Protein backbone atom coordinates (compact mmCIF):
# COMPACT_ATOMS: atom_id res chain seq x y z
CA MET A 1 3.13 -21.78 10.95
CA GLY A 2 2.36 -25.43 10.19
CA ARG A 3 2.68 -27.38 6.96
CA VAL A 4 -0.85 -26.50 5.82
CA GLY A 5 -0.24 -22.82 6.48
CA ARG A 6 3.00 -22.85 4.48
CA ALA A 7 1.25 -24.62 1.61
CA LEU A 8 -1.46 -21.97 1.68
CA VAL A 9 1.14 -19.20 1.46
CA TRP A 10 2.63 -20.80 -1.66
CA HIS A 11 -0.83 -21.36 -3.16
CA GLU A 12 -1.79 -17.71 -2.56
CA LEU A 13 1.42 -16.49 -4.19
CA GLN A 14 0.87 -18.61 -7.30
CA GLU A 15 -2.77 -17.59 -7.64
CA ARG A 16 -2.08 -13.87 -7.24
CA LEU A 17 0.76 -13.89 -9.77
CA ARG A 18 -1.74 -15.21 -12.32
CA ASP A 19 -4.31 -12.50 -11.57
CA ARG A 20 -4.66 -10.52 -14.80
CA TRP A 21 -5.57 -7.27 -13.06
CA VAL A 22 -2.50 -7.47 -10.83
CA VAL A 23 -0.35 -8.19 -13.88
CA VAL A 24 -1.83 -5.28 -15.86
CA ILE A 25 -1.39 -2.74 -13.04
CA SER A 26 2.13 -4.02 -12.25
CA VAL A 27 3.20 -3.73 -15.89
CA LEU A 28 1.67 -0.23 -16.04
CA PHE A 29 3.64 0.75 -12.94
CA ALA A 30 6.83 -0.66 -14.51
CA LEU A 31 6.28 1.27 -17.74
CA LEU A 32 5.50 4.55 -15.99
CA ALA A 33 8.44 4.16 -13.58
CA SER A 34 10.73 3.50 -16.54
CA ALA A 35 9.40 6.58 -18.32
CA VAL A 36 10.02 8.73 -15.24
CA SER A 37 13.55 7.37 -14.97
CA LEU A 38 14.29 8.13 -18.63
CA TYR A 39 12.90 11.64 -18.24
CA GLY A 40 15.09 12.18 -15.18
CA ARG A 41 18.19 11.22 -17.15
CA SER A 42 17.36 13.65 -19.96
CA ALA A 43 16.59 16.58 -17.65
CA GLU A 44 19.27 18.86 -16.31
CA ALA A 45 18.51 18.35 -12.64
CA GLU A 46 19.76 16.31 -9.75
CA ILE A 47 18.15 12.89 -9.96
CA ALA A 48 17.16 12.74 -6.28
CA LYS A 49 15.26 16.02 -6.65
CA LEU A 50 13.46 15.07 -9.86
CA THR A 51 13.06 11.33 -10.36
CA GLY A 52 12.62 10.50 -6.66
CA PRO A 53 9.60 12.77 -5.97
CA SER A 54 8.03 11.85 -9.32
CA LEU A 55 8.25 8.14 -8.50
CA VAL A 56 6.89 8.81 -5.01
CA THR A 57 3.78 10.40 -6.50
CA LEU A 58 3.40 7.55 -8.99
CA ALA A 59 3.85 4.85 -6.36
CA SER A 60 1.43 6.50 -3.92
CA LEU A 61 -1.27 6.23 -6.59
CA LEU A 62 -0.67 2.77 -8.07
CA ILE A 63 0.79 0.63 -5.28
CA PRO A 64 -2.27 1.01 -2.98
CA LEU A 65 -4.45 0.01 -5.93
CA VAL A 66 -2.33 -3.10 -6.61
CA ALA A 67 -2.48 -4.04 -2.92
CA LEU A 68 -6.25 -3.61 -2.67
CA VAL A 69 -6.84 -5.61 -5.86
CA LEU A 70 -4.61 -8.34 -4.45
CA SER A 71 -6.44 -8.62 -1.14
CA HIS A 72 -10.10 -7.79 -1.73
CA ASP A 73 -11.16 -11.41 -2.40
CA ALA A 74 -8.92 -13.13 0.15
CA ILE A 75 -11.69 -14.33 2.48
CA VAL A 76 -14.95 -13.48 0.74
CA GLY A 77 -13.74 -15.22 -2.41
CA GLU A 78 -13.32 -18.47 -0.48
CA ARG A 79 -16.79 -18.00 1.00
CA GLU A 80 -18.43 -17.44 -2.39
CA ARG A 81 -16.71 -20.50 -3.85
CA ASN A 82 -17.90 -22.53 -0.84
CA THR A 83 -14.30 -23.50 -0.08
CA LEU A 84 -13.85 -21.59 3.17
CA GLY A 85 -15.44 -24.34 5.24
CA LEU A 86 -13.25 -26.94 3.53
CA LEU A 87 -10.16 -24.83 4.16
CA LEU A 88 -10.96 -24.38 7.84
CA SER A 89 -11.62 -28.11 8.23
CA LEU A 90 -7.92 -28.71 7.61
CA PRO A 91 -5.48 -28.70 10.55
CA VAL A 92 -5.01 -24.93 10.40
CA GLY A 93 -6.23 -22.19 12.73
CA ARG A 94 -8.33 -19.27 11.52
CA PHE A 95 -5.68 -16.73 12.51
CA GLU A 96 -3.19 -18.87 10.63
CA VAL A 97 -5.39 -18.71 7.52
CA VAL A 98 -5.44 -14.91 7.72
CA LEU A 99 -1.67 -14.81 8.24
CA ALA A 100 -1.02 -17.21 5.34
CA LYS A 101 -3.20 -15.20 2.98
CA LEU A 102 -1.52 -11.98 4.09
CA LEU A 103 1.98 -13.44 3.61
CA GLY A 104 1.24 -15.06 0.26
CA ARG A 105 -0.29 -11.92 -1.17
CA SER A 106 2.49 -9.81 0.36
CA LEU A 107 5.02 -11.84 -1.62
CA ALA A 108 3.01 -11.21 -4.78
CA LEU A 109 2.96 -7.50 -3.94
CA ALA A 110 6.73 -7.55 -3.44
CA VAL A 111 7.09 -9.02 -6.93
CA ALA A 112 4.91 -6.23 -8.37
CA VAL A 113 6.89 -3.50 -6.59
CA ALA A 114 10.22 -5.06 -7.56
CA LEU A 115 9.04 -5.35 -11.17
CA GLY A 116 8.16 -1.67 -11.36
CA LEU A 117 11.23 -0.25 -9.66
CA GLY A 118 13.51 -2.91 -11.15
CA ALA A 119 12.45 -1.93 -14.66
CA ALA A 120 13.32 1.67 -13.83
CA MET A 121 16.70 0.57 -12.44
CA LEU A 122 17.57 -1.14 -15.72
CA LEU A 123 17.32 2.24 -17.43
CA SER A 124 19.21 4.12 -14.72
CA ASP A 125 22.82 4.84 -13.93
CA ALA A 126 24.45 4.03 -10.60
CA ASN A 127 23.26 7.18 -8.80
CA GLU A 128 19.70 6.76 -10.04
CA SER A 129 19.68 3.08 -9.02
CA ARG A 130 20.62 4.02 -5.46
CA THR A 131 17.73 6.47 -5.37
CA LEU A 132 15.32 3.82 -6.62
CA LEU A 133 16.68 1.28 -4.16
CA GLU A 134 15.94 3.67 -1.29
CA LEU A 135 12.37 3.80 -2.51
CA LEU A 136 11.88 0.02 -2.54
CA GLY A 137 11.37 -0.65 1.19
CA PRO A 138 9.01 2.27 1.98
CA THR A 139 6.97 1.57 -1.16
CA LEU A 140 6.52 -2.06 -0.16
CA LEU A 141 5.53 -0.94 3.35
CA LEU A 142 2.89 1.37 1.85
CA GLY A 143 1.51 -1.52 -0.16
CA LEU A 144 1.42 -3.83 2.86
CA THR A 145 -0.74 -1.38 4.82
CA PHE A 146 -3.31 -1.28 2.02
CA LEU A 147 -3.06 -5.05 1.66
CA SER A 148 -4.04 -5.36 5.31
CA LEU A 149 -6.96 -2.95 4.79
CA GLY A 150 -8.13 -4.95 1.78
CA LEU A 151 -7.98 -8.15 3.82
CA LEU A 152 -10.19 -6.54 6.46
CA ALA A 153 -12.69 -5.47 3.79
CA SER A 154 -12.70 -9.02 2.43
CA THR A 155 -13.41 -10.43 5.89
CA LEU A 156 -16.26 -8.02 6.57
CA ALA A 157 -17.98 -8.38 3.18
CA ARG A 158 -20.54 -11.08 2.43
CA ARG A 159 -20.12 -10.86 -1.35
CA GLN A 160 -17.08 -10.37 -3.53
CA VAL A 161 -18.66 -7.50 -5.46
CA THR A 162 -19.25 -5.72 -2.14
CA ALA A 163 -15.60 -6.17 -1.17
CA ALA A 164 -14.52 -4.79 -4.56
CA SER A 165 -16.72 -1.73 -4.05
CA VAL A 166 -15.35 -1.18 -0.55
CA VAL A 167 -11.71 -1.27 -1.65
CA VAL A 168 -12.45 1.20 -4.44
CA VAL A 169 -13.92 3.53 -1.81
CA ILE A 170 -10.84 2.99 0.39
CA TRP A 171 -8.53 3.82 -2.51
CA PHE A 172 -10.36 6.97 -3.54
CA GLY A 173 -10.89 8.00 0.08
CA LEU A 174 -7.29 7.67 1.30
CA VAL A 175 -5.40 8.44 -1.90
CA PHE A 176 -7.52 11.25 -3.39
CA PHE A 177 -10.30 12.65 -1.23
CA TYR A 178 -8.40 12.69 2.05
CA ASP A 179 -6.09 15.46 0.82
CA LEU A 180 -9.08 17.34 -0.59
CA PHE A 181 -10.73 17.11 2.83
CA ILE A 182 -7.68 18.68 4.47
CA LEU A 183 -7.61 21.40 1.80
CA GLY A 184 -11.31 22.06 2.30
CA LEU A 185 -10.78 22.26 6.05
CA LEU A 186 -8.12 24.91 5.54
CA VAL A 187 -10.35 26.85 3.15
CA VAL A 188 -13.37 26.75 5.47
CA SER A 189 -11.28 27.81 8.46
CA ASP A 190 -9.47 30.46 6.39
CA GLY A 191 -6.13 28.98 7.39
CA GLY A 192 -7.04 28.90 11.06
CA VAL A 193 -6.12 25.24 11.56
CA PRO A 194 -2.72 24.98 13.33
CA GLN A 195 0.13 23.62 11.24
CA SER A 196 0.73 20.88 13.79
CA ALA A 197 -2.85 19.69 13.32
CA VAL A 198 -2.50 19.74 9.53
CA THR A 199 0.71 17.72 9.73
CA GLY A 200 -0.97 15.29 12.11
CA LEU A 201 -3.86 14.78 9.70
CA VAL A 202 -1.48 14.22 6.79
CA VAL A 203 0.68 11.61 8.52
CA ALA A 204 -2.36 9.83 9.97
CA ASN A 205 -3.10 8.62 6.43
CA PRO A 206 -0.60 5.95 5.21
CA ALA A 207 -0.53 7.45 1.70
CA GLY A 208 0.17 10.91 3.13
CA LEU A 209 2.77 9.58 5.56
CA TYR A 210 4.56 7.82 2.70
CA ARG A 211 4.55 10.92 0.51
CA VAL A 212 5.87 13.34 3.12
CA GLN A 213 8.55 10.92 4.35
CA MET A 214 9.84 10.25 0.85
CA MET A 215 9.58 13.88 -0.25
CA HIS A 216 11.62 14.87 2.79
CA ALA A 217 14.19 12.16 2.04
CA PHE A 218 14.62 13.08 -1.62
CA ALA A 219 14.02 16.83 -1.75
CA GLY A 220 14.48 17.99 1.84
CA SER A 221 12.29 20.15 4.05
CA ASP A 222 11.95 22.81 1.33
CA ALA A 223 9.72 20.44 -0.65
CA LEU A 224 7.42 20.03 2.34
CA GLN A 225 7.22 23.78 2.83
CA ASP A 226 6.21 24.11 -0.81
CA LEU A 227 3.36 21.73 0.02
CA GLY A 228 2.33 23.94 2.93
CA LEU A 229 3.75 21.77 5.74
CA THR A 230 5.87 23.99 7.93
CA SER A 231 5.45 21.97 11.11
CA GLN A 232 8.07 19.36 11.98
CA LEU A 233 7.28 15.76 11.08
CA PRO A 234 6.87 13.17 13.87
CA GLY A 235 9.97 11.35 15.05
CA PRO A 236 11.01 7.82 14.02
CA LEU A 237 9.22 6.20 16.97
CA VAL A 238 5.86 7.82 16.21
CA THR A 239 6.08 7.10 12.48
CA SER A 240 7.06 3.49 13.18
CA LEU A 241 4.03 3.09 15.45
CA LEU A 242 1.79 4.61 12.79
CA TRP A 243 3.04 2.15 10.17
CA LEU A 244 2.71 -0.80 12.55
CA GLY A 245 -0.80 0.25 13.46
CA TRP A 246 -1.95 0.42 9.85
CA LEU A 247 -0.27 -2.89 9.08
CA ILE A 248 -1.14 -5.01 12.10
CA VAL A 249 -4.48 -3.74 13.44
CA PRO A 250 -6.59 -4.51 10.31
CA ALA A 251 -5.03 -7.99 10.09
CA LEU A 252 -5.74 -8.68 13.76
CA ILE A 253 -9.34 -7.54 13.36
CA SER A 254 -9.68 -9.80 10.32
CA GLY A 255 -8.44 -12.78 12.31
CA ALA A 256 -10.76 -12.00 15.21
CA LEU A 257 -13.78 -11.62 12.92
CA LEU A 258 -13.02 -14.86 11.11
CA SER A 259 -12.64 -16.69 14.41
CA ARG A 260 -16.05 -15.52 15.66
CA ARG A 261 -18.02 -15.74 12.42
CA LYS A 262 -19.78 -18.92 11.37
CA VAL A 263 -18.74 -20.33 8.04
CA VAL A 264 -21.73 -20.58 5.70
């Protein structure tokens, strides 16, 4: 990445850290994570089996929202401000612009995730802090996948309000309604859908993949059986490919679309 690209990364990071909606949601995540940590300390239960799954559920709801808010105006915002043409007139490639915006906003997302889990760590003992530290990397990875999806929505949209509407649909669709769709499928089929197919549908969604991986890590396979997943989860290679696909493919499509589209 050239000098202009690196400057754009820094500019994106500064701008996103000043975004009031990102700040509000990040502070909310920090407060809720701290509350969960305090509750885990007061309860008579093993921290990994109480605080861990609770924070997984919390993060799977809020971190995708933070990521989508961060990324929804990445390209369409420049177009509406009539600065996209000026930006692309600089000695920087269009793929490099997409990469710089993705990296800059990823750093801002990392700050938001670290703020939330770090606040919980301050209220935790050594064992709890290790549990929270294990959650840091996968939670950031979850956010990056939704950041990439938001960037794609921003590239496709012609207006910023359209991009905002699209990311709201993405959030509700993947975080809420996707699980309801699977439940409805099981109800309609009267449980006739094979467990392997159900597991495949769950892990095909990044939010579902994150939840089942973390639930398995913190509470073991019994927690997954309580959720109705009796089939074995995919191996490390398959899960790694799923994460890479969700992270890289939307960003590549964004770069390709920006390269082909005329700047108006």
